[in-house]
Amino acid sequence: MNNQSDWLINQLEQLIDTETSYEKRAFWYGLKTTVKQQQSRMQQIQAEIDGQLWNHEQW
């Protein structure tokens, strides 16, 4: 993960730990899950692009 995602996830974890309302905790948890999924998809896309760029058969 990159620094921005790490920072955001840490902030969301703090919010989840300190929040007393179930609805808000569920929202923060869902947002944290979404951030992690987006980061994973970005890494997959970057790896796919890298693989396509290094495919010598398509040069």
C-alpha atoms as a PDB file:
ATOM      1  CA  MET A   1       0.000   0.000   0.000  1.00  0.00           C
ATOM      2  CA  ASN A   2       1.051   3.555  -0.428  1.00  0.00           C
ATOM      3  CA  ASN A   3       1.456   6.138   2.304  1.00  0.00           C
ATOM      4  CA  GLN A   4      -1.890   7.816   1.671  1.00  0.00           C
ATOM      5  CA  SER A   5      -3.813   4.562   1.869  1.00  0.00           C
ATOM      6  CA  ASP A   6      -1.921   3.504   4.986  1.00  0.00           C
ATOM      7  CA  TRP A   7      -2.664   6.830   6.631  1.00  0.00           C
ATOM      8  CA  LEU A   8      -6.343   6.676   5.679  1.00  0.00           C
ATOM      9  CA  ILE A   9      -6.731   3.111   6.935  1.00  0.00           C
ATOM     10  CA  ASN A  10      -5.060   4.050  10.234  1.00  0.00           C
ATOM     11  CA  GLN A  11      -7.405   7.012  10.631  1.00  0.00           C
ATOM     12  CA  LEU A  12     -10.421   4.839   9.879  1.00  0.00           C
ATOM     13  CA  GLU A  13      -9.275   2.239  12.415  1.00  0.00           C
ATOM     14  CA  GLN A  14      -9.028   4.963  15.051  1.00  0.00           C
ATOM     15  CA  LEU A  15     -12.510   6.161  14.184  1.00  0.00           C
ATOM     16  CA  ILE A  16     -13.861   2.613  14.389  1.00  0.00           C
ATOM     17  CA  ASP A  17     -12.239   2.082  17.791  1.00  0.00           C
ATOM     18  CA  THR A  18     -13.505   5.340  19.291  1.00  0.00           C
ATOM     19  CA  GLU A  19     -16.998   5.487  17.778  1.00  0.00           C
ATOM     20  CA  THR A  20     -19.878   4.488  20.038  1.00  0.00           C
ATOM     21  CA  SER A  21     -22.663   4.533  17.446  1.00  0.00           C
ATOM     22  CA  TYR A  22     -23.152   1.209  15.660  1.00  0.00           C
ATOM     23  CA  GLU A  23     -24.252   2.899  12.422  1.00  0.00           C
ATOM     24  CA  LYS A  24     -21.183   5.126  12.265  1.00  0.00           C
ATOM     25  CA  ARG A  25     -18.853   2.245  13.126  1.00  0.00           C
ATOM     26  CA  ALA A  26     -20.414   0.192  10.331  1.00  0.00           C
ATOM     27  CA  PHE A  27     -19.953   3.111   7.920  1.00  0.00           C
ATOM     28  CA  TRP A  28     -16.274   3.574   8.858  1.00  0.00           C
ATOM     29  CA  TYR A  29     -15.686  -0.169   8.585  1.00  0.00           C
ATOM     30  CA  GLY A  30     -17.314  -0.269   5.150  1.00  0.00           C
ATOM     31  CA  LEU A  31     -15.212   2.671   4.022  1.00  0.00           C
ATOM     32  CA  LYS A  32     -12.056   0.945   5.276  1.00  0.00           C
ATOM     33  CA  THR A  33     -13.004  -2.189   3.331  1.00  0.00           C
ATOM     34  CA  THR A  34     -13.604  -0.120   0.195  1.00  0.00           C
ATOM     35  CA  VAL A  35     -10.216   1.604   0.489  1.00  0.00           C
ATOM     36  CA  LYS A  36      -8.477  -1.762   0.833  1.00  0.00           C
ATOM     37  CA  GLN A  37     -10.329  -3.161  -2.189  1.00  0.00           C
ATOM     38  CA  GLN A  38      -9.468  -0.136  -4.307  1.00  0.00           C
ATOM     39  CA  GLN A  39      -5.814  -0.387  -3.320  1.00  0.00           C
ATOM     40  CA  SER A  40      -5.785  -4.068  -4.249  1.00  0.00           C
ATOM     41  CA  ARG A  41      -7.381  -3.342  -7.636  1.00  0.00           C
ATOM     42  CA  MET A  42      -4.881  -0.566  -8.329  1.00  0.00           C
ATOM     43  CA  GLN A  43      -1.999  -2.956  -7.627  1.00  0.00           C
ATOM     44  CA  GLN A  44      -3.530  -5.573  -9.930  1.00  0.00           C
ATOM     45  CA  ILE A  45      -3.978  -3.037 -12.725  1.00  0.00           C
ATOM     46  CA  GLN A  46      -0.423  -1.761 -12.320  1.00  0.00           C
ATOM     47  CA  ALA A  47       0.915  -5.312 -12.490  1.00  0.00           C
ATOM     48  CA  GLU A  48      -1.183  -6.018 -15.587  1.00  0.00           C
ATOM     49  CA  ILE A  49       0.088  -2.882 -17.325  1.00  0.00           C
ATOM     50  CA  ASP A  50       3.654  -3.749 -16.374  1.00  0.00           C
ATOM     51  CA  GLY A  51       3.222  -7.256 -17.754  1.00  0.00           C
ATOM     52  CA  GLN A  52       1.811  -5.957 -21.026  1.00  0.00           C
ATOM     53  CA  LEU A  53       4.624  -3.450 -21.419  1.00  0.00           C
ATOM     54  CA  TRP A  54       7.248  -6.152 -21.003  1.00  0.00           C
ATOM     55  CA  ASN A  55       5.600  -8.603 -23.388  1.00  0.00           C
ATOM     56  CA  HIS A  56       8.294  -8.812 -26.078  1.00  0.00           C
ATOM     57  CA  GLU A  57       5.926 -10.506 -28.519  1.00  0.00           C
ATOM     58  CA  GLN A  58       3.857  -7.329 -28.816  1.00  0.00           C
ATOM     59  CA  TRP A  59       6.781  -4.944 -29.390  1.00  0.00           C
END
